Amino acid sequence: MKKLSFLLIAVMIFSVLLITVWMKMPNQEEKASHKATLCNVMRDNPKLKQEDQIFEQVEFMYGNSTPSYAYKKPKFYDAYARELIQQFLALSEQQQAVARKDYRQCFDHLD
């Protein structure tokens, strides 16, 4: 009986941890939305070079791209957005210049 209780508690704890991790990770649609937002920010603000400034703009644009009356607002994943920004900033100056002008190139360089 004690083994069964222990096993049941272990499975429940594992399930909670799995769900917690799963909720912090964006799905493919959300990833695409984050990439698109970053590419739009970089195209509209070519002088942005610092991670924190870029992050503020991405967060602002992502949050304001859905009307306030929308039934379901998309979740913004801070860590994933920062990861994408770091990927963009890791590109060479030439690659960044091309990515800032060409949306498709920007999208393809990320993730």
PDB file of N, CA and C in Angstrom:
ATOM      1  N   MET A   1       0.824  -1.194   0.000  1.00  0.00           N
ATOM      2  CA  MET A   1       0.000   0.000   0.000  1.00  0.00           C
ATOM      3  C   MET A   1       0.869   1.260   0.000  1.00  0.00           C
ATOM      4  N   LYS A   2       1.951   1.239   0.804  1.00  0.00           N
ATOM      5  CA  LYS A   2       2.829   2.398   0.872  1.00  0.00           C
ATOM      6  C   LYS A   2       3.552   2.620  -0.447  1.00  0.00           C
ATOM      7  N   LYS A   3       3.919   1.518  -1.125  1.00  0.00           N
ATOM      8  CA  LYS A   3       4.588   1.642  -2.419  1.00  0.00           C
ATOM      9  C   LYS A   3       3.648   2.276  -3.442  1.00  0.00           C
ATOM     10  N   LEU A   4       2.407   1.863  -3.425  1.00  0.00           N
ATOM     11  CA  LEU A   4       1.422   2.411  -4.351  1.00  0.00           C
ATOM     12  C   LEU A   4       1.202   3.897  -4.096  1.00  0.00           C
ATOM     13  N   SER A   5       1.104   4.283  -2.835  1.00  0.00           N
ATOM     14  CA  SER A   5       0.931   5.704  -2.493  1.00  0.00           C
ATOM     15  C   SER A   5       2.144   6.516  -2.927  1.00  0.00           C
ATOM     16  N   PHE A   6       3.322   5.988  -2.668  1.00  0.00           N
ATOM     17  CA  PHE A   6       4.552   6.672  -3.059  1.00  0.00           C
ATOM     18  C   PHE A   6       4.612   6.827  -4.579  1.00  0.00           C
ATOM     19  N   LEU A   7       4.278   5.762  -5.294  1.00  0.00           N
ATOM     20  CA  LEU A   7       4.298   5.791  -6.750  1.00  0.00           C
ATOM     21  C   LEU A   7       3.288   6.807  -7.290  1.00  0.00           C
ATOM     22  N   LEU A   8       2.116   6.833  -6.720  1.00  0.00           N
ATOM     23  CA  LEU A   8       1.076   7.768  -7.139  1.00  0.00           C
ATOM     24  C   LEU A   8       1.510   9.213  -6.894  1.00  0.00           C
ATOM     25  N   ILE A   9       2.101   9.474  -5.754  1.00  0.00           N
ATOM     26  CA  ILE A   9       2.583  10.825  -5.444  1.00  0.00           C
ATOM     27  C   ILE A   9       3.713  11.212  -6.389  1.00  0.00           C
ATOM     28  N   ALA A  10       4.600  10.274  -6.673  1.00  0.00           N
ATOM     29  CA  ALA A  10       5.714  10.550  -7.590  1.00  0.00           C
ATOM     30  C   ALA A  10       5.196  10.880  -8.989  1.00  0.00           C
ATOM     31  N   VAL A  11       4.214  10.146  -9.467  1.00  0.00           N
ATOM     32  CA  VAL A  11       3.623  10.402 -10.784  1.00  0.00           C
ATOM     33  C   VAL A  11       2.943  11.773 -10.806  1.00  0.00           C
ATOM     34  N   MET A  12       2.252  12.116  -9.737  1.00  0.00           N
ATOM     35  CA  MET A  12       1.575  13.421  -9.681  1.00  0.00           C
ATOM     36  C   MET A  12       2.596  14.558  -9.677  1.00  0.00           C
ATOM     37  N   ILE A  13       3.672  14.416  -8.919  1.00  0.00           N
ATOM     38  CA  ILE A  13       4.705  15.454  -8.885  1.00  0.00           C
ATOM     39  C   ILE A  13       5.360  15.591 -10.254  1.00  0.00           C
ATOM     40  N   PHE A  14       5.657  14.463 -10.879  1.00  0.00           N
ATOM     41  CA  PHE A  14       6.237  14.490 -12.221  1.00  0.00           C
ATOM     42  C   PHE A  14       5.297  15.160 -13.217  1.00  0.00           C
ATOM     43  N   SER A  15       4.018  14.874 -13.125  1.00  0.00           N
ATOM     44  CA  SER A  15       3.029  15.477 -14.017  1.00  0.00           C
ATOM     45  C   SER A  15       2.966  16.994 -13.838  1.00  0.00           C
ATOM     46  N   VAL A  16       2.987  17.435 -12.602  1.00  0.00           N
ATOM     47  CA  VAL A  16       2.955  18.876 -12.322  1.00  0.00           C
ATOM     48  C   VAL A  16       4.197  19.551 -12.896  1.00  0.00           C
ATOM     49  N   LEU A  17       5.364  18.943 -12.705  1.00  0.00           N
ATOM     50  CA  LEU A  17       6.598  19.505 -13.245  1.00  0.00           C
ATOM     51  C   LEU A  17       6.565  19.549 -14.771  1.00  0.00           C
ATOM     52  N   LEU A  18       6.084  18.492 -15.375  1.00  0.00           N
ATOM     53  CA  LEU A  18       5.993  18.428 -16.833  1.00  0.00           C
ATOM     54  C   LEU A  18       5.057  19.508 -17.375  1.00  0.00           C
ATOM     55  N   ILE A  19       3.923  19.684 -16.751  1.00  0.00           N
ATOM     56  CA  ILE A  19       2.972  20.712 -17.172  1.00  0.00           C
ATOM     57  C   ILE A  19       3.566  22.104 -16.986  1.00  0.00           C
ATOM     58  N   THR A  20       4.278  22.323 -15.884  1.00  0.00           N
ATOM     59  CA  THR A  20       4.902  23.624 -15.624  1.00  0.00           C
ATOM     60  C   THR A  20       5.923  23.953 -16.706  1.00  0.00           C
ATOM     61  N   VAL A  21       6.763  23.005 -17.057  1.00  0.00           N
ATOM     62  CA  VAL A  21       7.763  23.222 -18.105  1.00  0.00           C
ATOM     63  C   VAL A  21       7.067  23.449 -19.438  1.00  0.00           C
ATOM     64  N   TRP A  22       6.056  22.653 -19.740  1.00  0.00           N
ATOM     65  CA  TRP A  22       5.342  22.765 -21.005  1.00  0.00           C
ATOM     66  C   TRP A  22       4.685  24.138 -21.154  1.00  0.00           C
ATOM     67  N   MET A  23       4.163  24.697 -20.071  1.00  0.00           N
ATOM     68  CA  MET A  23       3.475  25.990 -20.121  1.00  0.00           C
ATOM     69  C   MET A  23       4.460  27.145 -20.343  1.00  0.00           C
ATOM     70  N   LYS A  24       5.736  26.938 -20.044  1.00  0.00           N
ATOM     71  CA  LYS A  24       6.736  27.995 -20.208  1.00  0.00           C
ATOM     72  C   LYS A  24       7.387  27.964 -21.587  1.00  0.00           C
ATOM     73  N   MET A  25       7.029  27.022 -22.419  1.00  0.00           N
ATOM     74  CA  MET A  25       7.618  26.879 -23.743  1.00  0.00           C
ATOM     75  C   MET A  25       6.578  27.233 -24.811  1.00  0.00           C
ATOM     76  N   PRO A  26       6.935  28.102 -25.745  1.00  0.00           N
ATOM     77  CA  PRO A  26       5.980  28.438 -26.807  1.00  0.00           C
ATOM     78  C   PRO A  26       5.847  27.305 -27.824  1.00  0.00           C
ATOM     79  N   ASN A  27       4.650  27.197 -28.403  1.00  0.00           N
ATOM     80  CA  ASN A  27       4.456  26.214 -29.462  1.00  0.00           C
ATOM     81  C   ASN A  27       4.937  26.815 -30.789  1.00  0.00           C
ATOM     82  N   GLN A  28       4.815  26.083 -31.875  1.00  0.00           N
ATOM     83  CA  GLN A  28       5.345  26.547 -33.162  1.00  0.00           C
ATOM     84  C   GLN A  28       4.682  27.848 -33.636  1.00  0.00           C
ATOM     85  N   GLU A  29       3.396  27.949 -33.435  1.00  0.00           N
ATOM     86  CA  GLU A  29       2.669  29.163 -33.843  1.00  0.00           C
ATOM     87  C   GLU A  29       3.143  30.373 -33.036  1.00  0.00           C
ATOM     88  N   GLU A  30       3.327  30.186 -31.748  1.00  0.00           N
ATOM     89  CA  GLU A  30       3.795  31.279 -30.887  1.00  0.00           C
ATOM     90  C   GLU A  30       5.237  31.648 -31.206  1.00  0.00           C
ATOM     91  N   LYS A  31       6.056  30.653 -31.530  1.00  0.00           N
ATOM     92  CA  LYS A  31       7.437  30.933 -31.932  1.00  0.00           C
ATOM     93  C   LYS A  31       7.457  31.777 -33.201  1.00  0.00           C
ATOM     94  N   ALA A  32       6.630  31.408 -34.162  1.00  0.00           N
ATOM     95  CA  ALA A  32       6.569  32.163 -35.420  1.00  0.00           C
ATOM     96  C   ALA A  32       6.111  33.595 -35.167  1.00  0.00           C
ATOM     97  N   SER A  33       5.180  33.766 -34.272  1.00  0.00           N
ATOM     98  CA  SER A  33       4.681  35.100 -33.942  1.00  0.00           C
ATOM     99  C   SER A  33       5.766  35.944 -33.278  1.00  0.00           C
ATOM    100  N   HIS A  34       6.547  35.343 -32.393  1.00  0.00           N
ATOM    101  CA  HIS A  34       7.647  36.056 -31.741  1.00  0.00           C
ATOM    102  C   HIS A  34       8.723  36.447 -32.759  1.00  0.00           C
ATOM    103  N   LYS A  35       9.044  35.514 -33.676  1.00  0.00           N
ATOM    104  CA  LYS A  35      10.047  35.813 -34.710  1.00  0.00           C
ATOM    105  C   LYS A  35       9.562  36.939 -35.617  1.00  0.00           C
ATOM    106  N   ALA A  36       8.304  36.869 -36.013  1.00  0.00           N
ATOM    107  CA  ALA A  36       7.742  37.909 -36.889  1.00  0.00           C
ATOM    108  C   ALA A  36       7.773  39.267 -36.207  1.00  0.00           C
ATOM    109  N   THR A  37       7.455  39.294 -34.932  1.00  0.00           N
ATOM    110  CA  THR A  37       7.471  40.555 -34.192  1.00  0.00           C
ATOM    111  C   THR A  37       8.880  41.122 -34.128  1.00  0.00           C
ATOM    112  N   LEU A  38       9.859  40.277 -33.815  1.00  0.00           N
ATOM    113  CA  LEU A  38      11.243  40.758 -33.762  1.00  0.00           C
ATOM    114  C   LEU A  38      11.689  41.283 -35.122  1.00  0.00           C
ATOM    115  N   CYS A  39      11.377  40.569 -36.177  1.00  0.00           N
ATOM    116  CA  CYS A  39      11.783  41.015 -37.519  1.00  0.00           C
ATOM    117  C   CYS A  39      11.129  42.350 -37.870  1.00  0.00           C
ATOM    118  N   ASN A  40       9.877  42.529 -37.499  1.00  0.00           N
ATOM    119  CA  ASN A  40       9.210  43.807 -37.756  1.00  0.00           C
ATOM    120  C   ASN A  40       9.842  44.934 -36.950  1.00  0.00           C
ATOM    121  N   VAL A  41      10.189  44.676 -35.701  1.00  0.00           N
ATOM    122  CA  VAL A  41      10.837  45.695 -34.865  1.00  0.00           C
ATOM    123  C   VAL A  41      12.181  46.076 -35.467  1.00  0.00           C
ATOM    124  N   MET A  42      12.950  45.086 -35.891  1.00  0.00           N
ATOM    125  CA  MET A  42      14.276  45.369 -36.435  1.00  0.00           C
ATOM    126  C   MET A  42      14.184  46.111 -37.768  1.00  0.00           C
ATOM    127  N   ARG A  43      13.171  45.805 -38.543  1.00  0.00           N
ATOM    128  CA  ARG A  43      12.994  46.503 -39.820  1.00  0.00           C
ATOM    129  C   ARG A  43      12.535  47.942 -39.593  1.00  0.00           C
ATOM    130  N   ASP A  44      11.663  48.149 -38.617  1.00  0.00           N
ATOM    131  CA  ASP A  44      11.137  49.494 -38.355  1.00  0.00           C
ATOM    132  C   ASP A  44      12.094  50.373 -37.565  1.00  0.00           C
ATOM    133  N   ASN A  45      13.016  49.767 -36.828  1.00  0.00           N
ATOM    134  CA  ASN A  45      13.954  50.514 -35.981  1.00  0.00           C
ATOM    135  C   ASN A  45      15.387  50.060 -36.261  1.00  0.00           C
ATOM    136  N   PRO A  46      15.946  50.419 -37.396  1.00  0.00           N
ATOM    137  CA  PRO A  46      17.271  49.909 -37.770  1.00  0.00           C
ATOM    138  C   PRO A  46      18.406  50.366 -36.856  1.00  0.00           C
ATOM    139  N   LYS A  47      18.181  51.390 -36.058  1.00  0.00           N
ATOM    140  CA  LYS A  47      19.253  51.892 -35.199  1.00  0.00           C
ATOM    141  C   LYS A  47      19.328  51.184 -33.854  1.00  0.00           C
ATOM    142  N   LEU A  48      18.340  50.338 -33.551  1.00  0.00           N
ATOM    143  CA  LEU A  48      18.371  49.607 -32.281  1.00  0.00           C
ATOM    144  C   LEU A  48      19.511  48.593 -32.298  1.00  0.00           C
ATOM    145  N   LYS A  49      20.354  48.648 -31.280  1.00  0.00           N
ATOM    146  CA  LYS A  49      21.501  47.734 -31.204  1.00  0.00           C
ATOM    147  C   LYS A  49      21.620  47.051 -29.845  1.00  0.00           C
ATOM    148  N   GLN A  50      20.983  47.601 -28.805  1.00  0.00           N
ATOM    149  CA  GLN A  50      21.125  47.052 -27.466  1.00  0.00           C
ATOM    150  C   GLN A  50      19.968  46.110 -27.154  1.00  0.00           C
ATOM    151  N   GLU A  51      20.309  45.006 -26.513  1.00  0.00           N
ATOM    152  CA  GLU A  51      19.324  43.961 -26.238  1.00  0.00           C
ATOM    153  C   GLU A  51      18.117  44.470 -25.453  1.00  0.00           C
ATOM    154  N   ASP A  52      18.348  45.259 -24.420  1.00  0.00           N
ATOM    155  CA  ASP A  52      17.237  45.734 -23.592  1.00  0.00           C
ATOM    156  C   ASP A  52      16.292  46.646 -24.359  1.00  0.00           C
ATOM    157  N   GLN A  53      16.837  47.507 -25.207  1.00  0.00           N
ATOM    158  CA  GLN A  53      15.988  48.391 -26.014  1.00  0.00           C
ATOM    159  C   GLN A  53      15.163  47.588 -27.016  1.00  0.00           C
ATOM    160  N   ILE A  54      15.800  46.617 -27.636  1.00  0.00           N
ATOM    161  CA  ILE A  54      15.096  45.768 -28.599  1.00  0.00           C
ATOM    162  C   ILE A  54      13.990  44.992 -27.885  1.00  0.00           C
ATOM    163  N   PHE A  55      14.327  44.443 -26.713  1.00  0.00           N
ATOM    164  CA  PHE A  55      13.339  43.675 -25.951  1.00  0.00           C
ATOM    165  C   PHE A  55      12.123  44.526 -25.612  1.00  0.00           C
ATOM    166  N   GLU A  56      12.345  45.748 -25.156  1.00  0.00           N
ATOM    167  CA  GLU A  56      11.222  46.640 -24.818  1.00  0.00           C
ATOM    168  C   GLU A  56      10.326  46.868 -26.031  1.00  0.00           C
ATOM    169  N   GLN A  57      10.922  47.082 -27.191  1.00  0.00           N
ATOM    170  CA  GLN A  57      10.143  47.314 -28.403  1.00  0.00           C
ATOM    171  C   GLN A  57       9.378  46.063 -28.830  1.00  0.00           C
ATOM    172  N   VAL A  58      10.036  44.908 -28.739  1.00  0.00           N
ATOM    173  CA  VAL A  58       9.371  43.645 -29.105  1.00  0.00           C
ATOM    174  C   VAL A  58       8.193  43.388 -28.170  1.00  0.00           C
ATOM    175  N   GLU A  59       8.422  43.559 -26.882  1.00  0.00           N
ATOM    176  CA  GLU A  59       7.364  43.334 -25.900  1.00  0.00           C
ATOM    177  C   GLU A  59       6.193  44.292 -26.132  1.00  0.00           C
ATOM    178  N   PHE A  60       6.505  45.556 -26.409  1.00  0.00           N
ATOM    179  CA  PHE A  60       5.466  46.551 -26.650  1.00  0.00           C
ATOM    180  C   PHE A  60       4.663  46.202 -27.907  1.00  0.00           C
ATOM    181  N   MET A  61       5.371  45.892 -29.004  1.00  0.00           N
ATOM    182  CA  MET A  61       4.681  45.588 -30.259  1.00  0.00           C
ATOM    183  C   MET A  61       3.857  44.306 -30.131  1.00  0.00           C
ATOM    184  N   TYR A  62       4.407  43.307 -29.473  1.00  0.00           N
ATOM    185  CA  TYR A  62       3.688  42.032 -29.311  1.00  0.00           C
ATOM    186  C   TYR A  62       2.417  42.241 -28.488  1.00  0.00           C
ATOM    187  N   GLY A  63       2.550  43.000 -27.413  1.00  0.00           N
ATOM    188  CA  GLY A  63       1.409  43.237 -26.548  1.00  0.00           C
ATOM    189  C   GLY A  63       0.329  44.093 -27.174  1.00  0.00           C
ATOM    190  N   ASN A  64       0.716  44.977 -28.074  1.00  0.00           N
ATOM    191  CA  ASN A  64      -0.246  45.881 -28.697  1.00  0.00           C
ATOM    192  C   ASN A  64      -0.711  45.433 -30.075  1.00  0.00           C
ATOM    193  N   SER A  65      -0.279  44.256 -30.503  1.00  0.00           N
ATOM    194  CA  SER A  65      -0.701  43.774 -31.816  1.00  0.00           C
ATOM    195  C   SER A  65      -2.063  43.083 -31.761  1.00  0.00           C
ATOM    196  N   THR A  66      -2.558  42.842 -30.574  1.00  0.00           N
ATOM    197  CA  THR A  66      -3.871  42.224 -30.393  1.00  0.00           C
ATOM    198  C   THR A  66      -4.810  43.262 -29.780  1.00  0.00           C
ATOM    199  N   PRO A  67      -5.993  43.445 -30.338  1.00  0.00           N
ATOM    200  CA  PRO A  67      -6.909  44.440 -29.782  1.00  0.00           C
ATOM    201  C   PRO A  67      -7.293  44.122 -28.332  1.00  0.00           C
ATOM    202  N   SER A  68      -7.589  45.162 -27.596  1.00  0.00           N
ATOM    203  CA  SER A  68      -7.908  45.003 -26.175  1.00  0.00           C
ATOM    204  C   SER A  68      -9.196  44.207 -25.954  1.00  0.00           C
ATOM    205  N   TYR A  69     -10.065  44.159 -26.942  1.00  0.00           N
ATOM    206  CA  TYR A  69     -11.330  43.447 -26.793  1.00  0.00           C
ATOM    207  C   TYR A  69     -11.228  41.976 -27.236  1.00  0.00           C
ATOM    208  N   ALA A  70     -10.041  41.545 -27.624  1.00  0.00           N
ATOM    209  CA  ALA A  70      -9.861  40.166 -28.073  1.00  0.00           C
ATOM    210  C   ALA A  70     -10.176  39.189 -26.940  1.00  0.00           C
ATOM    211  N   TYR A  71     -10.811  38.099 -27.296  1.00  0.00           N
ATOM    212  CA  TYR A  71     -11.181  37.093 -26.297  1.00  0.00           C
ATOM    213  C   TYR A  71      -9.955  36.451 -25.677  1.00  0.00           C
ATOM    214  N   LYS A  72      -8.982  36.123 -26.510  1.00  0.00           N
ATOM    215  CA  LYS A  72      -7.768  35.477 -26.010  1.00  0.00           C
ATOM    216  C   LYS A  72      -6.548  36.241 -26.507  1.00  0.00           C
ATOM    217  N   LYS A  73      -5.793  36.775 -25.586  1.00  0.00           N
ATOM    218  CA  LYS A  73      -4.560  37.474 -25.950  1.00  0.00           C
ATOM    219  C   LYS A  73      -3.411  36.471 -25.934  1.00  0.00           C
ATOM    220  N   PRO A  74      -2.526  36.549 -26.929  1.00  0.00           N
ATOM    221  CA  PRO A  74      -1.401  35.600 -26.950  1.00  0.00           C
ATOM    222  C   PRO A  74      -0.424  35.884 -25.824  1.00  0.00           C
ATOM    223  N   LYS A  75       0.149  34.821 -25.310  1.00  0.00           N
ATOM    224  CA  LYS A  75       1.116  34.946 -24.215  1.00  0.00           C
ATOM    225  C   LYS A  75       2.470  35.381 -24.786  1.00  0.00           C
ATOM    226  N   PHE A  76       3.142  36.272 -24.072  1.00  0.00           N
ATOM    227  CA  PHE A  76       4.478  36.713 -24.463  1.00  0.00           C
ATOM    228  C   PHE A  76       5.498  35.943 -23.635  1.00  0.00           C
ATOM    229  N   TYR A  77       6.408  35.269 -24.303  1.00  0.00           N
ATOM    230  CA  TYR A  77       7.434  34.467 -23.643  1.00  0.00           C
ATOM    231  C   TYR A  77       8.731  35.268 -23.575  1.00  0.00           C
ATOM    232  N   ASP A  78       8.988  35.848 -22.411  1.00  0.00           N
ATOM    233  CA  ASP A  78      10.164  36.709 -22.217  1.00  0.00           C
ATOM    234  C   ASP A  78      11.470  35.999 -22.584  1.00  0.00           C
ATOM    235  N   ALA A  79      11.651  34.816 -22.035  1.00  0.00           N
ATOM    236  CA  ALA A  79      12.914  34.099 -22.244  1.00  0.00           C
ATOM    237  C   ALA A  79      13.120  33.764 -23.719  1.00  0.00           C
ATOM    238  N   TYR A  80      12.063  33.356 -24.394  1.00  0.00           N
ATOM    239  CA  TYR A  80      12.184  33.028 -25.819  1.00  0.00           C
ATOM    240  C   TYR A  80      12.474  34.277 -26.642  1.00  0.00           C
ATOM    241  N   ALA A  81      11.826  35.387 -26.304  1.00  0.00           N
ATOM    242  CA  ALA A  81      12.072  36.642 -27.011  1.00  0.00           C
ATOM    243  C   ALA A  81      13.527  37.077 -26.843  1.00  0.00           C
ATOM    244  N   ARG A  82      14.037  36.964 -25.640  1.00  0.00           N
ATOM    245  CA  ARG A  82      15.441  37.327 -25.391  1.00  0.00           C
ATOM    246  C   ARG A  82      16.393  36.403 -26.152  1.00  0.00           C
ATOM    247  N   GLU A  83      16.039  35.137 -26.228  1.00  0.00           N
ATOM    248  CA  GLU A  83      16.854  34.181 -26.987  1.00  0.00           C
ATOM    249  C   GLU A  83      16.909  34.576 -28.468  1.00  0.00           C
ATOM    250  N   LEU A  84      15.769  34.952 -29.026  1.00  0.00           N
ATOM    251  CA  LEU A  84      15.735  35.389 -30.426  1.00  0.00           C
ATOM    252  C   LEU A  84      16.553  36.659 -30.638  1.00  0.00           C
ATOM    253  N   ILE A  85      16.450  37.586 -29.707  1.00  0.00           N
ATOM    254  CA  ILE A  85      17.213  38.838 -29.812  1.00  0.00           C
ATOM    255  C   ILE A  85      18.705  38.541 -29.783  1.00  0.00           C
ATOM    256  N   GLN A  86      19.119  37.655 -28.910  1.00  0.00           N
ATOM    257  CA  GLN A  86      20.534  37.284 -28.832  1.00  0.00           C
ATOM    258  C   GLN A  86      20.997  36.615 -30.129  1.00  0.00           C
ATOM    259  N   GLN A  87      20.135  35.803 -30.719  1.00  0.00           N
ATOM    260  CA  GLN A  87      20.467  35.182 -32.004  1.00  0.00           C
ATOM    261  C   GLN A  87      20.645  36.247 -33.081  1.00  0.00           C
ATOM    262  N   PHE A  88      19.757  37.228 -33.085  1.00  0.00           N
ATOM    263  CA  PHE A  88      19.853  38.294 -34.082  1.00  0.00           C
ATOM    264  C   PHE A  88      21.137  39.096 -33.885  1.00  0.00           C
ATOM    265  N   LEU A  89      21.431  39.446 -32.642  1.00  0.00           N
ATOM    266  CA  LEU A  89      22.621  40.248 -32.367  1.00  0.00           C
ATOM    267  C   LEU A  89      23.914  39.463 -32.603  1.00  0.00           C
ATOM    268  N   ALA A  90      23.846  38.138 -32.597  1.00  0.00           N
ATOM    269  CA  ALA A  90      25.015  37.300 -32.861  1.00  0.00           C
ATOM    270  C   ALA A  90      25.343  37.227 -34.351  1.00  0.00           C
ATOM    271  N   LEU A  91      24.415  37.652 -35.198  1.00  0.00           N
ATOM    272  CA  LEU A  91      24.677  37.668 -36.632  1.00  0.00           C
ATOM    273  C   LEU A  91      25.752  38.705 -36.940  1.00  0.00           C
ATOM    274  N   SER A  92      26.445  38.508 -38.043  1.00  0.00           N
ATOM    275  CA  SER A  92      27.440  39.497 -38.453  1.00  0.00           C
ATOM    276  C   SER A  92      26.728  40.798 -38.834  1.00  0.00           C
ATOM    277  N   GLU A  93      27.485  41.876 -38.899  1.00  0.00           N
ATOM    278  CA  GLU A  93      26.896  43.171 -39.277  1.00  0.00           C
ATOM    279  C   GLU A  93      26.233  43.086 -40.643  1.00  0.00           C
ATOM    280  N   GLN A  94      26.871  42.383 -41.559  1.00  0.00           N
ATOM    281  CA  GLN A  94      26.318  42.240 -42.905  1.00  0.00           C
ATOM    282  C   GLN A  94      25.011  41.451 -42.878  1.00  0.00           C
ATOM    283  N   GLN A  95      24.991  40.361 -42.128  1.00  0.00           N
ATOM    284  CA  GLN A  95      23.766  39.566 -42.022  1.00  0.00           C
ATOM    285  C   GLN A  95      22.652  40.363 -41.355  1.00  0.00           C
ATOM    286  N   GLN A  96      22.994  41.145 -40.343  1.00  0.00           N
ATOM    287  CA  GLN A  96      21.992  41.980 -39.688  1.00  0.00           C
ATOM    288  C   GLN A  96      21.426  43.008 -40.659  1.00  0.00           C
ATOM    289  N   ALA A  97      22.295  43.609 -41.455  1.00  0.00           N
ATOM    290  CA  ALA A  97      21.832  44.616 -42.420  1.00  0.00           C
ATOM    291  C   ALA A  97      20.860  44.000 -43.421  1.00  0.00           C
ATOM    292  N   VAL A  98      21.191  42.812 -43.900  1.00  0.00           N
ATOM    293  CA  VAL A  98      20.300  42.124 -44.848  1.00  0.00           C
ATOM    294  C   VAL A  98      18.994  41.747 -44.149  1.00  0.00           C
ATOM    295  N   ALA A  99      19.101  41.235 -42.927  1.00  0.00           N
ATOM    296  CA  ALA A  99      17.906  40.812 -42.183  1.00  0.00           C
ATOM    297  C   ALA A  99      16.994  41.989 -41.868  1.00  0.00           C
ATOM    298  N   ARG A 100      17.569  43.164 -41.647  1.00  0.00           N
ATOM    299  CA  ARG A 100      16.755  44.355 -41.359  1.00  0.00           C
ATOM    300  C   ARG A 100      15.974  44.811 -42.589  1.00  0.00           C
ATOM    301  N   LYS A 101      16.486  44.502 -43.759  1.00  0.00           N
ATOM    302  CA  LYS A 101      15.813  44.927 -44.994  1.00  0.00           C
ATOM    303  C   LYS A 101      14.893  43.862 -45.567  1.00  0.00           C
ATOM    304  N   ASP A 102      15.246  42.600 -45.361  1.00  0.00           N
ATOM    305  CA  ASP A 102      14.501  41.494 -45.960  1.00  0.00           C
ATOM    306  C   ASP A 102      13.853  40.642 -44.860  1.00  0.00           C
ATOM    307  N   TYR A 103      12.556  40.744 -44.767  1.00  0.00           N
ATOM    308  CA  TYR A 103      11.814  40.037 -43.718  1.00  0.00           C
ATOM    309  C   TYR A 103      12.068  38.535 -43.769  1.00  0.00           C
ATOM    310  N   ARG A 104      12.045  37.954 -44.957  1.00  0.00           N
ATOM    311  CA  ARG A 104      12.223  36.496 -45.095  1.00  0.00           C
ATOM    312  C   ARG A 104      13.600  36.063 -44.586  1.00  0.00           C
ATOM    313  N   GLN A 105      14.625  36.836 -44.924  1.00  0.00           N
ATOM    314  CA  GLN A 105      15.980  36.522 -44.450  1.00  0.00           C
ATOM    315  C   GLN A 105      16.049  36.593 -42.938  1.00  0.00           C
ATOM    316  N   CYS A 106      15.438  37.610 -42.378  1.00  0.00           N
ATOM    317  CA  CYS A 106      15.410  37.773 -40.919  1.00  0.00           C
ATOM    318  C   CYS A 106      14.763  36.548 -40.295  1.00  0.00           C
ATOM    319  N   PHE A 107      13.618  36.181 -40.802  1.00  0.00           N
ATOM    320  CA  PHE A 107      12.862  35.050 -40.253  1.00  0.00           C
ATOM    321  C   PHE A 107      13.685  33.761 -40.345  1.00  0.00           C
ATOM    322  N   ASP A 108      14.376  33.572 -41.472  1.00  0.00           N
ATOM    323  CA  ASP A 108      15.149  32.351 -41.682  1.00  0.00           C
ATOM    324  C   ASP A 108      16.388  32.275 -40.788  1.00  0.00           C
ATOM    325  N   HIS A 109      16.964  33.415 -40.425  1.00  0.00           N
ATOM    326  CA  HIS A 109      18.158  33.433 -39.579  1.00  0.00           C
ATOM    327  C   HIS A 109      17.860  33.086 -38.124  1.00  0.00           C
ATOM    328  N   LEU A 110      16.626  33.215 -37.709  1.00  0.00           N
ATOM    329  CA  LEU A 110      16.275  33.022 -36.304  1.00  0.00           C
ATOM    330  C   LEU A 110      15.837  31.589 -36.046  1.00  0.00           C
ATOM    331  N   ASP A 111      16.315  31.069 -34.887  1.00  0.00           N
ATOM    332  CA  ASP A 111      15.911  29.755 -34.362  1.00  0.00           C
ATOM    333  C   ASP A 111      16.271  28.690 -35.324  1.00  0.00           C
TER     334      ASP A 111
END
